[in-house]
Amino acid sequence: MASLTTTSEAAHQPQGARDDSLLAEIRLFWRQFFVQAFSPYRPELHYMRGPGPAWRAKHGHMPPPRG
């Protein structure tokens, strides 16, 4: 999850510049949030769920686990 951070430079800027930098930080936060929240990468779809055919060929066939 992205986090919103501020810099100490904002305290030394005129009011209009602070508003612009705050708006830029908010936009950056939401952009990073949407990129991470709606990422098409789903690692759980590639998770190995047990021994595959090469392991079975080497070790012989085992009955499936009960449970």
C-alpha atoms as a PDB file:
ATOM      1  CA  MET A   1       0.000   0.000   0.000  1.00  0.00           C
ATOM      2  CA  ALA A   2       1.356   3.418  -0.878  1.00  0.00           C
ATOM      3  CA  SER A   3       1.688   6.074   1.792  1.00  0.00           C
ATOM      4  CA  LEU A   4       1.328   9.823   1.588  1.00  0.00           C
ATOM      5  CA  THR A   5       4.483  11.633   2.649  1.00  0.00           C
ATOM      6  CA  THR A   6       5.208  15.298   3.056  1.00  0.00           C
ATOM      7  CA  THR A   7       8.461  17.195   2.974  1.00  0.00           C
ATOM      8  CA  SER A   8       9.688  19.933   5.293  1.00  0.00           C
ATOM      9  CA  GLU A   9      10.113  22.213   2.265  1.00  0.00           C
ATOM     10  CA  ALA A  10       6.355  22.779   2.187  1.00  0.00           C
ATOM     11  CA  ALA A  11       6.569  24.803   5.413  1.00  0.00           C
ATOM     12  CA  HIS A  12       8.909  27.327   3.755  1.00  0.00           C
ATOM     13  CA  GLN A  13       6.884  27.840   0.572  1.00  0.00           C
ATOM     14  CA  PRO A  14       4.237  30.514  -0.069  1.00  0.00           C
ATOM     15  CA  GLN A  15       0.595  29.449   0.453  1.00  0.00           C
ATOM     16  CA  GLY A  16      -0.135  28.973  -3.285  1.00  0.00           C
ATOM     17  CA  ALA A  17       2.944  26.791  -3.767  1.00  0.00           C
ATOM     18  CA  ARG A  18       1.986  24.698  -0.708  1.00  0.00           C
ATOM     19  CA  ASP A  19      -1.478  24.103  -2.144  1.00  0.00           C
ATOM     20  CA  ASP A  20       0.053  22.981  -5.441  1.00  0.00           C
ATOM     21  CA  SER A  21       2.511  20.635  -3.755  1.00  0.00           C
ATOM     22  CA  LEU A  22      -0.244  19.197  -1.533  1.00  0.00           C
ATOM     23  CA  LEU A  23      -2.416  18.603  -4.581  1.00  0.00           C
ATOM     24  CA  ALA A  24       0.525  16.971  -6.382  1.00  0.00           C
ATOM     25  CA  GLU A  25       1.138  14.677  -3.386  1.00  0.00           C
ATOM     26  CA  ILE A  26      -2.533  13.696  -3.224  1.00  0.00           C
ATOM     27  CA  ARG A  27      -2.542  12.927  -6.937  1.00  0.00           C
ATOM     28  CA  LEU A  28       0.643  10.847  -6.562  1.00  0.00           C
ATOM     29  CA  PHE A  29      -0.872   8.926  -3.641  1.00  0.00           C
ATOM     30  CA  TRP A  30      -4.046   8.037  -5.556  1.00  0.00           C
ATOM     31  CA  ARG A  31      -2.108   7.138  -8.714  1.00  0.00           C
ATOM     32  CA  GLN A  32       0.109   4.737  -6.734  1.00  0.00           C
ATOM     33  CA  PHE A  33      -2.917   3.385  -4.878  1.00  0.00           C
ATOM     34  CA  PHE A  34      -4.804   2.517  -8.071  1.00  0.00           C
ATOM     35  CA  VAL A  35      -1.719   1.002  -9.695  1.00  0.00           C
ATOM     36  CA  GLN A  36      -1.187  -1.310  -6.711  1.00  0.00           C
ATOM     37  CA  ALA A  37      -4.852  -2.014  -5.959  1.00  0.00           C
ATOM     38  CA  PHE A  38      -5.764  -2.970  -9.512  1.00  0.00           C
ATOM     39  CA  SER A  39      -2.537  -4.624 -10.602  1.00  0.00           C
ATOM     40  CA  PRO A  40      -3.161  -7.473 -13.067  1.00  0.00           C
ATOM     41  CA  TYR A  41      -0.416  -9.581 -11.440  1.00  0.00           C
ATOM     42  CA  ARG A  42      -2.012 -12.352  -9.368  1.00  0.00           C
ATOM     43  CA  PRO A  43       0.726 -14.540  -7.817  1.00  0.00           C
ATOM     44  CA  GLU A  44      -1.819 -16.926  -6.284  1.00  0.00           C
ATOM     45  CA  LEU A  45      -2.693 -18.092  -9.807  1.00  0.00           C
ATOM     46  CA  HIS A  46       0.882 -19.356 -10.269  1.00  0.00           C
ATOM     47  CA  TYR A  47       1.242 -21.024  -6.904  1.00  0.00           C
ATOM     48  CA  MET A  48       2.378 -24.657  -7.070  1.00  0.00           C
ATOM     49  CA  ARG A  49      -0.174 -26.887  -5.379  1.00  0.00           C
ATOM     50  CA  GLY A  50       1.868 -30.006  -4.868  1.00  0.00           C
ATOM     51  CA  PRO A  51       4.249 -32.329  -6.658  1.00  0.00           C
ATOM     52  CA  GLY A  52       4.040 -32.347 -10.413  1.00  0.00           C
ATOM     53  CA  PRO A  53       4.562 -35.035 -13.032  1.00  0.00           C
ATOM     54  CA  ALA A  54       8.376 -34.894 -12.913  1.00  0.00           C
ATOM     55  CA  TRP A  55       8.391 -35.507  -9.151  1.00  0.00           C
ATOM     56  CA  ARG A  56       5.925 -38.401  -9.541  1.00  0.00           C
ATOM     57  CA  ALA A  57       8.044 -39.963 -12.286  1.00  0.00           C
ATOM     58  CA  LYS A  58      11.103 -39.851 -10.046  1.00  0.00           C
ATOM     59  CA  HIS A  59       9.495 -40.923  -6.750  1.00  0.00           C
ATOM     60  CA  GLY A  60       6.586 -43.057  -7.894  1.00  0.00           C
ATOM     61  CA  HIS A  61       2.903 -42.380  -7.561  1.00  0.00           C
ATOM     62  CA  MET A  62       1.602 -41.466  -4.089  1.00  0.00           C
ATOM     63  CA  PRO A  63      -2.084 -41.395  -3.150  1.00  0.00           C
ATOM     64  CA  PRO A  64      -3.537 -37.904  -2.791  1.00  0.00           C
ATOM     65  CA  PRO A  65      -3.553 -36.455   0.736  1.00  0.00           C
ATOM     66  CA  ARG A  66      -6.789 -36.757   2.665  1.00  0.00           C
ATOM     67  CA  GLY A  67      -8.292 -33.751   4.178  1.00  0.00           C
END
